[in-house]
Amino acid sequence: MNTNNNEMNNEVVNEEFDVQDTNPNEDNSQQTDELTIEEQLAKAQEKIDELNDKYLRQIAEFDNYRKRVIKEKAELIKNGGEKIITSILPILDDFDRAESNMEKMEDLDSLKEGVRLIVEKFSKLLKQEGLEKMDVVGKDFDTDFHEAIAMVPGQPDEMRGKIIDCVMAGYTLNDKVVRHAKVAVAE
């Protein structure tokens, strides 16, 4: 019987421990942890929504910027020459006056002088805008600036590879070649 009593006592003690394991305070703690996790999840979802909204706004802002730049670029291309055109208009007016006076003028020298002045005015304007005429005669032939259209044989050795004649002038615009000079080169 002692043995049976011991077994019963062990069972009662074990049951008491089981009851202690399922303490109501621990259940409350787990619920608090779960609420905290739910709150953290809600906060994380809010942050995700905020970042997603910010991301979408950034994309829209960049897209608007890109469209604005494309529009401005198209406008520059379309009206980029306006400044040079307006500065050429007075020279065009000078040519119109010269043409209307050609019929009335009997002095050819004054007509030549008037046209020469207009050409000088035009050249000065283009130079102010960065256009330079290449000075090529007597210089070494360079394919970056010149286009050989003729090779002239029978030239002295010191002239070999040098430009002896310019058939069509070449031009640079702000140090960039806009038209190669067409030249004759000594062989």
N, C-alpha and C. Protein backbone atom coordinates (compact mmCIF):
# COMPACT_ATOMS: atom_id res chain seq x y z
N MET A 1 0.79 -1.18 0.00
CA MET A 1 0.00 0.00 0.00
C MET A 1 0.83 1.25 0.00
N ASN A 2 1.93 1.16 0.62
CA ASN A 2 2.84 2.28 0.62
C ASN A 2 3.24 2.64 -0.80
N THR A 3 3.43 1.66 -1.53
CA THR A 3 3.81 1.88 -2.90
C THR A 3 2.69 2.59 -3.64
N ASN A 4 1.50 2.21 -3.37
CA ASN A 4 0.37 2.85 -4.03
C ASN A 4 0.21 4.29 -3.58
N ASN A 5 0.44 4.52 -2.32
CA ASN A 5 0.35 5.89 -1.80
C ASN A 5 1.42 6.79 -2.43
N ASN A 6 2.58 6.25 -2.55
CA ASN A 6 3.67 7.01 -3.17
C ASN A 6 3.34 7.37 -4.62
N GLU A 7 2.77 6.42 -5.29
CA GLU A 7 2.40 6.67 -6.68
C GLU A 7 1.33 7.74 -6.76
N MET A 8 0.39 7.68 -5.85
CA MET A 8 -0.69 8.67 -5.84
C MET A 8 -0.15 10.05 -5.50
N ASN A 9 0.76 10.10 -4.55
CA ASN A 9 1.36 11.37 -4.18
C ASN A 9 2.12 11.97 -5.35
N ASN A 10 2.83 11.14 -6.07
CA ASN A 10 3.58 11.61 -7.25
C ASN A 10 2.63 12.15 -8.30
N GLU A 11 1.50 11.46 -8.45
CA GLU A 11 0.54 11.94 -9.44
C GLU A 11 -0.04 13.29 -9.02
N VAL A 12 -0.34 13.44 -7.76
CA VAL A 12 -0.88 14.71 -7.26
C VAL A 12 0.15 15.81 -7.42
N VAL A 13 1.39 15.52 -7.10
CA VAL A 13 2.46 16.50 -7.24
C VAL A 13 2.63 16.87 -8.70
N ASN A 14 2.60 15.87 -9.56
CA ASN A 14 2.73 16.14 -11.00
C ASN A 14 1.58 16.98 -11.50
N GLU A 15 0.38 16.69 -11.00
CA GLU A 15 -0.76 17.49 -11.42
C GLU A 15 -0.62 18.93 -10.96
N GLU A 16 -0.06 19.12 -9.76
CA GLU A 16 0.15 20.48 -9.27
C GLU A 16 1.14 21.21 -10.17
N PHE A 17 2.19 20.52 -10.58
CA PHE A 17 3.15 21.15 -11.49
C PHE A 17 2.52 21.47 -12.83
N ASP A 18 1.68 20.60 -13.31
CA ASP A 18 1.01 20.85 -14.58
C ASP A 18 0.13 22.09 -14.47
N VAL A 19 -0.51 22.21 -13.32
CA VAL A 19 -1.35 23.39 -13.11
C VAL A 19 -0.47 24.63 -13.08
N GLN A 20 0.67 24.54 -12.47
CA GLN A 20 1.57 25.69 -12.42
C GLN A 20 2.11 26.02 -13.80
N ASP A 21 2.31 25.03 -14.66
CA ASP A 21 2.81 25.28 -16.02
C ASP A 21 1.82 26.09 -16.84
N THR A 22 0.57 25.90 -16.59
CA THR A 22 -0.45 26.64 -17.34
C THR A 22 -0.93 27.82 -16.53
N ASN A 23 -0.03 28.64 -16.12
CA ASN A 23 -0.31 29.83 -15.32
C ASN A 23 -1.05 30.85 -16.19
N PRO A 24 -2.15 31.43 -15.70
CA PRO A 24 -2.89 32.42 -16.48
C PRO A 24 -2.06 33.66 -16.79
N ASN A 25 -1.09 34.02 -16.00
CA ASN A 25 -0.24 35.18 -16.27
C ASN A 25 0.58 34.99 -17.54
N GLU A 26 1.03 33.76 -17.77
CA GLU A 26 1.81 33.48 -18.98
C GLU A 26 0.94 33.62 -20.23
N ASP A 27 -0.29 33.21 -20.20
CA ASP A 27 -1.20 33.37 -21.33
C ASP A 27 -1.39 34.85 -21.64
N ASN A 28 -1.50 35.63 -20.63
CA ASN A 28 -1.65 37.08 -20.80
C ASN A 28 -0.39 37.66 -21.44
N SER A 29 0.79 37.16 -21.05
CA SER A 29 2.05 37.62 -21.62
C SER A 29 2.14 37.27 -23.10
N GLN A 30 1.68 36.07 -23.45
CA GLN A 30 1.70 35.67 -24.85
C GLN A 30 0.75 36.54 -25.67
N GLN A 31 -0.40 36.87 -25.08
CA GLN A 31 -1.34 37.74 -25.79
C GLN A 31 -0.73 39.12 -25.98
N THR A 32 0.02 39.59 -24.98
CA THR A 32 0.68 40.88 -25.09
C THR A 32 1.72 40.83 -26.20
N ASP A 33 2.48 39.73 -26.26
CA ASP A 33 3.46 39.58 -27.33
C ASP A 33 2.79 39.56 -28.69
N GLU A 34 1.64 38.85 -28.77
CA GLU A 34 0.93 38.78 -30.04
C GLU A 34 0.41 40.16 -30.44
N LEU A 35 -0.07 40.91 -29.51
CA LEU A 35 -0.54 42.26 -29.81
C LEU A 35 0.64 43.12 -30.28
N THR A 36 1.74 42.96 -29.64
CA THR A 36 2.92 43.72 -30.02
C THR A 36 3.34 43.34 -31.44
N ILE A 37 3.28 42.08 -31.75
CA ILE A 37 3.63 41.63 -33.10
C ILE A 37 2.62 42.19 -34.10
N GLU A 38 1.34 42.17 -33.73
CA GLU A 38 0.32 42.73 -34.62
C GLU A 38 0.53 44.23 -34.81
N GLU A 39 0.88 44.90 -33.72
CA GLU A 39 1.16 46.34 -33.83
C GLU A 39 2.38 46.59 -34.70
N GLN A 40 3.39 45.76 -34.51
CA GLN A 40 4.60 45.90 -35.34
C GLN A 40 4.28 45.63 -36.80
N LEU A 41 3.45 44.65 -37.05
CA LEU A 41 3.05 44.34 -38.42
C LEU A 41 2.28 45.51 -39.03
N ALA A 42 1.39 46.12 -38.25
CA ALA A 42 0.63 47.27 -38.73
C ALA A 42 1.56 48.45 -39.02
N LYS A 43 2.53 48.67 -38.12
CA LYS A 43 3.49 49.76 -38.35
C LYS A 43 4.33 49.49 -39.59
N ALA A 44 4.74 48.24 -39.75
CA ALA A 44 5.54 47.88 -40.93
C ALA A 44 4.72 48.08 -42.20
N GLN A 45 3.44 47.72 -42.15
CA GLN A 45 2.57 47.90 -43.32
C GLN A 45 2.40 49.39 -43.63
N GLU A 46 2.26 50.22 -42.60
CA GLU A 46 2.17 51.67 -42.80
C GLU A 46 3.43 52.20 -43.46
N LYS A 47 4.58 51.73 -42.99
CA LYS A 47 5.86 52.17 -43.55
C LYS A 47 5.98 51.74 -45.00
N ILE A 48 5.55 50.51 -45.31
CA ILE A 48 5.58 50.02 -46.69
C ILE A 48 4.69 50.89 -47.57
N ASP A 49 3.49 51.19 -47.07
CA ASP A 49 2.57 52.04 -47.84
C ASP A 49 3.16 53.43 -48.06
N GLU A 50 3.78 53.97 -47.03
CA GLU A 50 4.41 55.30 -47.13
C GLU A 50 5.54 55.29 -48.16
N LEU A 51 6.39 54.27 -48.09
CA LEU A 51 7.51 54.18 -49.03
C LEU A 51 7.02 53.94 -50.45
N ASN A 52 5.98 53.13 -50.59
CA ASN A 52 5.42 52.86 -51.92
C ASN A 52 4.85 54.14 -52.51
N ASP A 53 4.14 54.92 -51.70
CA ASP A 53 3.59 56.20 -52.16
C ASP A 53 4.72 57.15 -52.57
N LYS A 54 5.76 57.20 -51.74
CA LYS A 54 6.91 58.06 -52.05
C LYS A 54 7.58 57.62 -53.35
N TYR A 55 7.71 56.32 -53.53
CA TYR A 55 8.32 55.77 -54.75
C TYR A 55 7.50 56.14 -55.98
N LEU A 56 6.18 55.97 -55.89
CA LEU A 56 5.32 56.31 -57.03
C LEU A 56 5.38 57.80 -57.35
N ARG A 57 5.45 58.63 -56.33
CA ARG A 57 5.57 60.08 -56.55
C ARG A 57 6.89 60.43 -57.23
N GLN A 58 7.96 59.76 -56.80
CA GLN A 58 9.28 60.00 -57.42
C GLN A 58 9.26 59.60 -58.89
N ILE A 59 8.64 58.47 -59.19
CA ILE A 59 8.55 58.02 -60.59
C ILE A 59 7.76 59.04 -61.40
N ALA A 60 6.64 59.51 -60.88
CA ALA A 60 5.83 60.50 -61.59
C ALA A 60 6.59 61.80 -61.77
N GLU A 61 7.31 62.22 -60.73
CA GLU A 61 8.09 63.45 -60.82
C GLU A 61 9.19 63.33 -61.87
N PHE A 62 9.88 62.19 -61.89
CA PHE A 62 10.93 61.99 -62.89
C PHE A 62 10.35 61.94 -64.29
N ASP A 63 9.20 61.29 -64.45
CA ASP A 63 8.56 61.22 -65.76
C ASP A 63 8.18 62.62 -66.24
N ASN A 64 7.65 63.45 -65.35
CA ASN A 64 7.32 64.84 -65.72
C ASN A 64 8.58 65.62 -66.09
N TYR A 65 9.66 65.41 -65.34
CA TYR A 65 10.94 66.07 -65.64
C TYR A 65 11.44 65.66 -67.03
N ARG A 66 11.38 64.35 -67.30
CA ARG A 66 11.84 63.85 -68.60
C ARG A 66 11.02 64.46 -69.74
N LYS A 67 9.72 64.52 -69.57
CA LYS A 67 8.86 65.10 -70.61
C LYS A 67 9.17 66.58 -70.80
N ARG A 68 9.41 67.31 -69.69
CA ARG A 68 9.73 68.74 -69.77
C ARG A 68 11.05 68.96 -70.51
N VAL A 69 12.05 68.13 -70.22
CA VAL A 69 13.35 68.26 -70.88
C VAL A 69 13.23 67.97 -72.37
N ILE A 70 12.47 66.95 -72.73
CA ILE A 70 12.26 66.63 -74.15
C ILE A 70 11.58 67.80 -74.85
N LYS A 71 10.58 68.39 -74.20
CA LYS A 71 9.87 69.53 -74.80
C LYS A 71 10.80 70.73 -74.97
N GLU A 72 11.61 71.02 -73.93
CA GLU A 72 12.55 72.14 -74.02
C GLU A 72 13.59 71.90 -75.10
N LYS A 73 14.05 70.68 -75.21
CA LYS A 73 15.05 70.34 -76.23
C LYS A 73 14.46 70.52 -77.63
N ALA A 74 13.24 70.07 -77.81
CA ALA A 74 12.58 70.24 -79.12
C ALA A 74 12.40 71.73 -79.43
N GLU A 75 12.07 72.52 -78.41
CA GLU A 75 11.91 73.96 -78.60
C GLU A 75 13.24 74.62 -78.97
N LEU A 76 14.33 74.18 -78.33
CA LEU A 76 15.65 74.71 -78.67
C LEU A 76 16.05 74.37 -80.10
N ILE A 77 15.77 73.14 -80.49
CA ILE A 77 16.10 72.73 -81.86
C ILE A 77 15.29 73.55 -82.86
N LYS A 78 14.01 73.72 -82.55
CA LYS A 78 13.13 74.45 -83.46
C LYS A 78 13.51 75.92 -83.57
N ASN A 79 13.82 76.56 -82.44
CA ASN A 79 14.08 77.99 -82.44
C ASN A 79 15.52 78.34 -82.09
N GLY A 80 16.42 77.38 -82.17
CA GLY A 80 17.81 77.61 -81.78
C GLY A 80 18.52 78.64 -82.65
N GLY A 81 18.15 78.73 -83.90
CA GLY A 81 18.80 79.66 -84.81
C GLY A 81 18.20 81.06 -84.80
N GLU A 82 17.25 81.30 -83.93
CA GLU A 82 16.55 82.59 -83.91
C GLU A 82 17.52 83.75 -83.69
N LYS A 83 18.47 83.58 -82.78
CA LYS A 83 19.41 84.66 -82.47
C LYS A 83 20.24 85.02 -83.71
N ILE A 84 20.79 84.02 -84.38
CA ILE A 84 21.63 84.30 -85.55
C ILE A 84 20.79 84.87 -86.69
N ILE A 85 19.58 84.36 -86.85
CA ILE A 85 18.71 84.86 -87.92
C ILE A 85 18.38 86.33 -87.70
N THR A 86 18.05 86.70 -86.48
CA THR A 86 17.71 88.11 -86.21
C THR A 86 18.93 89.00 -86.40
N SER A 87 20.12 88.49 -86.16
CA SER A 87 21.31 89.32 -86.37
C SER A 87 21.68 89.41 -87.86
N ILE A 88 21.21 88.48 -88.67
CA ILE A 88 21.47 88.52 -90.12
C ILE A 88 20.48 89.45 -90.84
N LEU A 89 19.33 89.68 -90.26
CA LEU A 89 18.31 90.49 -90.93
C LEU A 89 18.79 91.87 -91.37
N PRO A 90 19.57 92.62 -90.57
CA PRO A 90 20.05 93.91 -91.07
C PRO A 90 20.94 93.78 -92.32
N ILE A 91 21.69 92.70 -92.39
CA ILE A 91 22.55 92.48 -93.56
C ILE A 91 21.68 92.17 -94.78
N LEU A 92 20.63 91.40 -94.56
CA LEU A 92 19.69 91.12 -95.64
C LEU A 92 19.04 92.42 -96.13
N ASP A 93 18.73 93.31 -95.20
CA ASP A 93 18.18 94.62 -95.58
C ASP A 93 19.18 95.40 -96.43
N ASP A 94 20.48 95.32 -96.04
CA ASP A 94 21.51 96.00 -96.83
C ASP A 94 21.57 95.44 -98.25
N PHE A 95 21.48 94.15 -98.39
CA PHE A 95 21.50 93.54 -99.73
C PHE A 95 20.28 93.98 -100.54
N ASP A 96 19.12 94.06 -99.89
CA ASP A 96 17.90 94.53 -100.59
C ASP A 96 18.08 95.96 -101.09
N ARG A 97 18.66 96.84 -100.25
CA ARG A 97 18.89 98.23 -100.67
C ARG A 97 19.90 98.28 -101.83
N ALA A 98 20.94 97.45 -101.73
CA ALA A 98 21.94 97.43 -102.80
C ALA A 98 21.31 96.96 -104.11
N GLU A 99 20.47 95.96 -104.03
CA GLU A 99 19.82 95.44 -105.24
C GLU A 99 18.88 96.48 -105.86
N SER A 100 18.13 97.19 -105.02
CA SER A 100 17.21 98.19 -105.56
C SER A 100 17.97 99.40 -106.14
N ASN A 101 19.16 99.68 -105.61
CA ASN A 101 19.95 100.81 -106.13
C ASN A 101 20.80 100.43 -107.34
N MET A 102 20.96 99.15 -107.63
CA MET A 102 21.79 98.73 -108.78
C MET A 102 21.28 99.30 -110.09
N GLU A 103 19.99 99.32 -110.26
CA GLU A 103 19.40 99.80 -111.51
C GLU A 103 19.62 101.30 -111.68
N LYS A 104 19.62 102.05 -110.59
CA LYS A 104 19.75 103.49 -110.65
C LYS A 104 21.20 103.95 -110.74
N MET A 105 22.13 103.15 -110.22
CA MET A 105 23.52 103.58 -110.11
C MET A 105 24.23 103.48 -111.45
N GLU A 106 25.01 104.49 -111.70
CA GLU A 106 25.83 104.49 -112.90
C GLU A 106 27.28 104.30 -112.54
N ASP A 107 27.63 104.58 -111.29
CA ASP A 107 29.00 104.44 -110.82
C ASP A 107 29.19 103.01 -110.29
N LEU A 108 29.87 102.18 -111.07
CA LEU A 108 30.09 100.79 -110.72
C LEU A 108 31.03 100.64 -109.53
N ASP A 109 31.97 101.55 -109.38
CA ASP A 109 32.91 101.47 -108.26
C ASP A 109 32.20 101.64 -106.92
N SER A 110 31.24 102.55 -106.82
CA SER A 110 30.52 102.74 -105.56
C SER A 110 29.64 101.52 -105.26
N LEU A 111 29.11 100.88 -106.30
CA LEU A 111 28.33 99.66 -106.12
C LEU A 111 29.21 98.54 -105.57
N LYS A 112 30.40 98.39 -106.14
CA LYS A 112 31.35 97.38 -105.67
C LYS A 112 31.72 97.64 -104.21
N GLU A 113 31.98 98.90 -103.88
CA GLU A 113 32.34 99.26 -102.51
C GLU A 113 31.20 98.94 -101.55
N GLY A 114 29.97 99.21 -101.95
CA GLY A 114 28.81 98.92 -101.11
C GLY A 114 28.66 97.42 -100.85
N VAL A 115 28.81 96.61 -101.88
CA VAL A 115 28.72 95.16 -101.73
C VAL A 115 29.86 94.66 -100.86
N ARG A 116 31.06 95.19 -101.04
CA ARG A 116 32.21 94.78 -100.22
C ARG A 116 31.96 95.08 -98.75
N LEU A 117 31.37 96.24 -98.45
CA LEU A 117 31.06 96.60 -97.07
C LEU A 117 30.01 95.65 -96.45
N ILE A 118 29.04 95.28 -97.27
CA ILE A 118 28.02 94.33 -96.79
C ILE A 118 28.66 92.97 -96.49
N VAL A 119 29.52 92.50 -97.36
CA VAL A 119 30.21 91.22 -97.15
C VAL A 119 31.08 91.28 -95.90
N GLU A 120 31.78 92.39 -95.69
CA GLU A 120 32.60 92.54 -94.48
C GLU A 120 31.74 92.52 -93.22
N LYS A 121 30.61 93.21 -93.29
CA LYS A 121 29.68 93.23 -92.16
C LYS A 121 29.18 91.81 -91.85
N PHE A 122 28.87 91.08 -92.89
CA PHE A 122 28.38 89.71 -92.74
C PHE A 122 29.48 88.80 -92.17
N SER A 123 30.68 88.93 -92.68
CA SER A 123 31.81 88.13 -92.18
C SER A 123 32.09 88.43 -90.71
N LYS A 124 32.02 89.71 -90.34
CA LYS A 124 32.26 90.11 -88.95
C LYS A 124 31.20 89.49 -88.03
N LEU A 125 29.95 89.51 -88.47
CA LEU A 125 28.88 88.91 -87.68
C LEU A 125 29.11 87.41 -87.48
N LEU A 126 29.47 86.71 -88.54
CA LEU A 126 29.71 85.27 -88.44
C LEU A 126 30.90 84.97 -87.54
N LYS A 127 31.91 85.82 -87.60
CA LYS A 127 33.08 85.63 -86.73
C LYS A 127 32.70 85.82 -85.27
N GLN A 128 31.83 86.77 -84.99
CA GLN A 128 31.35 86.97 -83.62
C GLN A 128 30.59 85.74 -83.12
N GLU A 129 29.95 85.04 -84.01
CA GLU A 129 29.19 83.84 -83.64
C GLU A 129 30.08 82.60 -83.57
N GLY A 130 31.38 82.76 -83.87
CA GLY A 130 32.32 81.64 -83.74
C GLY A 130 32.73 80.99 -85.04
N LEU A 131 32.27 81.51 -86.18
CA LEU A 131 32.63 80.93 -87.47
C LEU A 131 33.95 81.52 -87.96
N GLU A 132 34.89 80.66 -88.26
CA GLU A 132 36.21 81.09 -88.75
C GLU A 132 36.49 80.46 -90.10
N LYS A 133 37.02 81.25 -91.01
CA LYS A 133 37.43 80.74 -92.32
C LYS A 133 38.85 80.19 -92.16
N MET A 134 39.08 79.01 -92.72
CA MET A 134 40.40 78.39 -92.62
C MET A 134 41.37 79.05 -93.60
N ASP A 135 42.55 79.32 -93.11
CA ASP A 135 43.63 79.81 -93.97
C ASP A 135 44.49 78.58 -94.27
N VAL A 136 44.47 78.11 -95.54
CA VAL A 136 45.06 76.81 -95.83
C VAL A 136 46.25 76.84 -96.79
N VAL A 137 46.32 77.81 -97.66
CA VAL A 137 47.36 77.82 -98.69
C VAL A 137 48.75 77.88 -98.06
N GLY A 138 49.62 76.94 -98.47
CA GLY A 138 50.99 76.88 -97.97
C GLY A 138 51.14 76.02 -96.73
N LYS A 139 50.04 75.53 -96.19
CA LYS A 139 50.10 74.69 -94.98
C LYS A 139 50.13 73.22 -95.36
N ASP A 140 50.54 72.38 -94.40
CA ASP A 140 50.56 70.94 -94.62
C ASP A 140 49.13 70.41 -94.76
N PHE A 141 48.97 69.44 -95.65
CA PHE A 141 47.67 68.82 -95.85
C PHE A 141 47.31 67.99 -94.62
N ASP A 142 46.09 68.19 -94.09
CA ASP A 142 45.61 67.48 -92.91
C ASP A 142 44.17 67.04 -93.19
N THR A 143 43.94 65.72 -93.19
CA THR A 143 42.61 65.20 -93.53
C THR A 143 41.54 65.59 -92.51
N ASP A 144 41.94 66.03 -91.33
CA ASP A 144 40.97 66.48 -90.35
C ASP A 144 40.35 67.82 -90.74
N PHE A 145 41.06 68.60 -91.56
CA PHE A 145 40.60 69.93 -91.95
C PHE A 145 40.42 70.11 -93.45
N HIS A 146 41.08 69.28 -94.24
CA HIS A 146 41.10 69.50 -95.70
C HIS A 146 40.60 68.26 -96.44
N GLU A 147 40.10 68.54 -97.65
CA GLU A 147 39.70 67.48 -98.57
C GLU A 147 40.45 67.73 -99.87
N ALA A 148 41.30 66.78 -100.23
CA ALA A 148 42.09 66.93 -101.46
C ALA A 148 41.22 66.58 -102.66
N ILE A 149 41.09 67.53 -103.58
CA ILE A 149 40.33 67.25 -104.80
C ILE A 149 41.25 67.16 -106.00
N ALA A 150 42.54 67.54 -105.80
CA ALA A 150 43.51 67.44 -106.89
C ALA A 150 44.91 67.28 -106.30
N MET A 151 45.72 66.47 -106.99
CA MET A 151 47.14 66.33 -106.65
C MET A 151 47.91 66.94 -107.82
N VAL A 152 48.76 67.91 -107.52
CA VAL A 152 49.47 68.64 -108.57
C VAL A 152 50.92 68.13 -108.62
N PRO A 153 51.30 67.46 -109.73
CA PRO A 153 52.67 66.95 -109.85
C PRO A 153 53.64 68.05 -110.29
N GLY A 154 54.93 67.76 -110.18
CA GLY A 154 55.96 68.67 -110.69
C GLY A 154 56.25 69.84 -109.77
N GLN A 155 55.96 69.75 -108.49
CA GLN A 155 56.23 70.83 -107.56
C GLN A 155 57.58 70.60 -106.88
N PRO A 156 58.22 71.65 -106.40
CA PRO A 156 59.50 71.48 -105.70
C PRO A 156 59.34 70.59 -104.46
N ASP A 157 60.46 69.96 -104.05
CA ASP A 157 60.42 69.03 -102.92
C ASP A 157 59.93 69.68 -101.63
N GLU A 158 60.28 70.95 -101.39
CA GLU A 158 59.85 71.60 -100.14
C GLU A 158 58.33 71.83 -100.11
N MET A 159 57.64 71.76 -101.25
CA MET A 159 56.20 71.95 -101.31
C MET A 159 55.43 70.62 -101.24
N ARG A 160 56.15 69.49 -101.28
CA ARG A 160 55.51 68.18 -101.29
C ARG A 160 54.63 68.01 -100.03
N GLY A 161 53.34 67.65 -100.24
CA GLY A 161 52.40 67.46 -99.14
C GLY A 161 51.78 68.75 -98.62
N LYS A 162 52.12 69.87 -99.27
CA LYS A 162 51.56 71.16 -98.85
C LYS A 162 50.42 71.56 -99.79
N ILE A 163 49.54 72.41 -99.30
CA ILE A 163 48.41 72.88 -100.09
C ILE A 163 48.89 74.05 -100.95
N ILE A 164 48.62 73.93 -102.26
CA ILE A 164 49.06 75.01 -103.16
C ILE A 164 47.89 75.86 -103.64
N ASP A 165 46.65 75.35 -103.49
CA ASP A 165 45.51 76.14 -103.94
C ASP A 165 44.26 75.68 -103.15
N CYS A 166 43.40 76.65 -102.87
CA CYS A 166 42.14 76.36 -102.18
C CYS A 166 41.00 76.60 -103.17
N VAL A 167 40.28 75.54 -103.49
CA VAL A 167 39.19 75.63 -104.45
C VAL A 167 37.90 76.09 -103.75
N MET A 168 37.66 75.61 -102.54
CA MET A 168 36.50 76.03 -101.76
C MET A 168 36.93 76.17 -100.31
N ALA A 169 36.64 77.31 -99.73
CA ALA A 169 37.07 77.60 -98.35
C ALA A 169 36.43 76.65 -97.35
N GLY A 170 37.20 76.33 -96.32
CA GLY A 170 36.69 75.53 -95.22
C GLY A 170 36.41 76.42 -94.03
N TYR A 171 35.53 75.97 -93.14
CA TYR A 171 35.13 76.77 -91.99
C TYR A 171 35.10 75.93 -90.73
N THR A 172 35.42 76.59 -89.62
CA THR A 172 35.26 75.97 -88.30
C THR A 172 34.29 76.82 -87.49
N LEU A 173 33.50 76.16 -86.68
CA LEU A 173 32.57 76.84 -85.80
C LEU A 173 32.97 76.46 -84.38
N ASN A 174 33.50 77.44 -83.64
CA ASN A 174 33.99 77.20 -82.28
C ASN A 174 34.96 76.01 -82.25
N ASP A 175 35.94 76.05 -83.15
CA ASP A 175 37.01 75.06 -83.28
C ASP A 175 36.54 73.68 -83.74
N LYS A 176 35.34 73.57 -84.25
CA LYS A 176 34.86 72.31 -84.82
C LYS A 176 34.68 72.54 -86.32
N VAL A 177 35.19 71.62 -87.11
CA VAL A 177 35.10 71.75 -88.56
C VAL A 177 33.65 71.57 -88.99
N VAL A 178 33.11 72.59 -89.66
CA VAL A 178 31.75 72.49 -90.20
C VAL A 178 31.77 72.27 -91.71
N ARG A 179 32.88 72.63 -92.34
CA ARG A 179 33.08 72.31 -93.75
C ARG A 179 34.57 72.21 -94.01
N HIS A 180 34.98 71.07 -94.58
CA HIS A 180 36.38 70.88 -94.93
C HIS A 180 36.74 71.75 -96.13
N ALA A 181 37.96 72.25 -96.12
CA ALA A 181 38.44 73.04 -97.26
C ALA A 181 38.77 72.09 -98.41
N LYS A 182 38.30 72.41 -99.61
CA LYS A 182 38.61 71.61 -100.79
C LYS A 182 39.86 72.22 -101.41
N VAL A 183 40.92 71.41 -101.47
CA VAL A 183 42.23 71.96 -101.82
C VAL A 183 42.95 71.10 -102.87
N ALA A 184 43.96 71.76 -103.48
CA ALA A 184 44.88 71.07 -104.38
C ALA A 184 46.20 70.93 -103.64
N VAL A 185 46.77 69.73 -103.67
CA VAL A 185 47.97 69.43 -102.88
C VAL A 185 49.12 69.09 -103.82
N ALA A 186 50.32 69.55 -103.49
CA ALA A 186 51.51 69.27 -104.29
C ALA A 186 51.95 67.83 -104.05
N GLU A 187 52.32 67.18 -105.18
CA GLU A 187 52.85 65.80 -105.10
C GLU A 187 54.32 65.81 -104.97
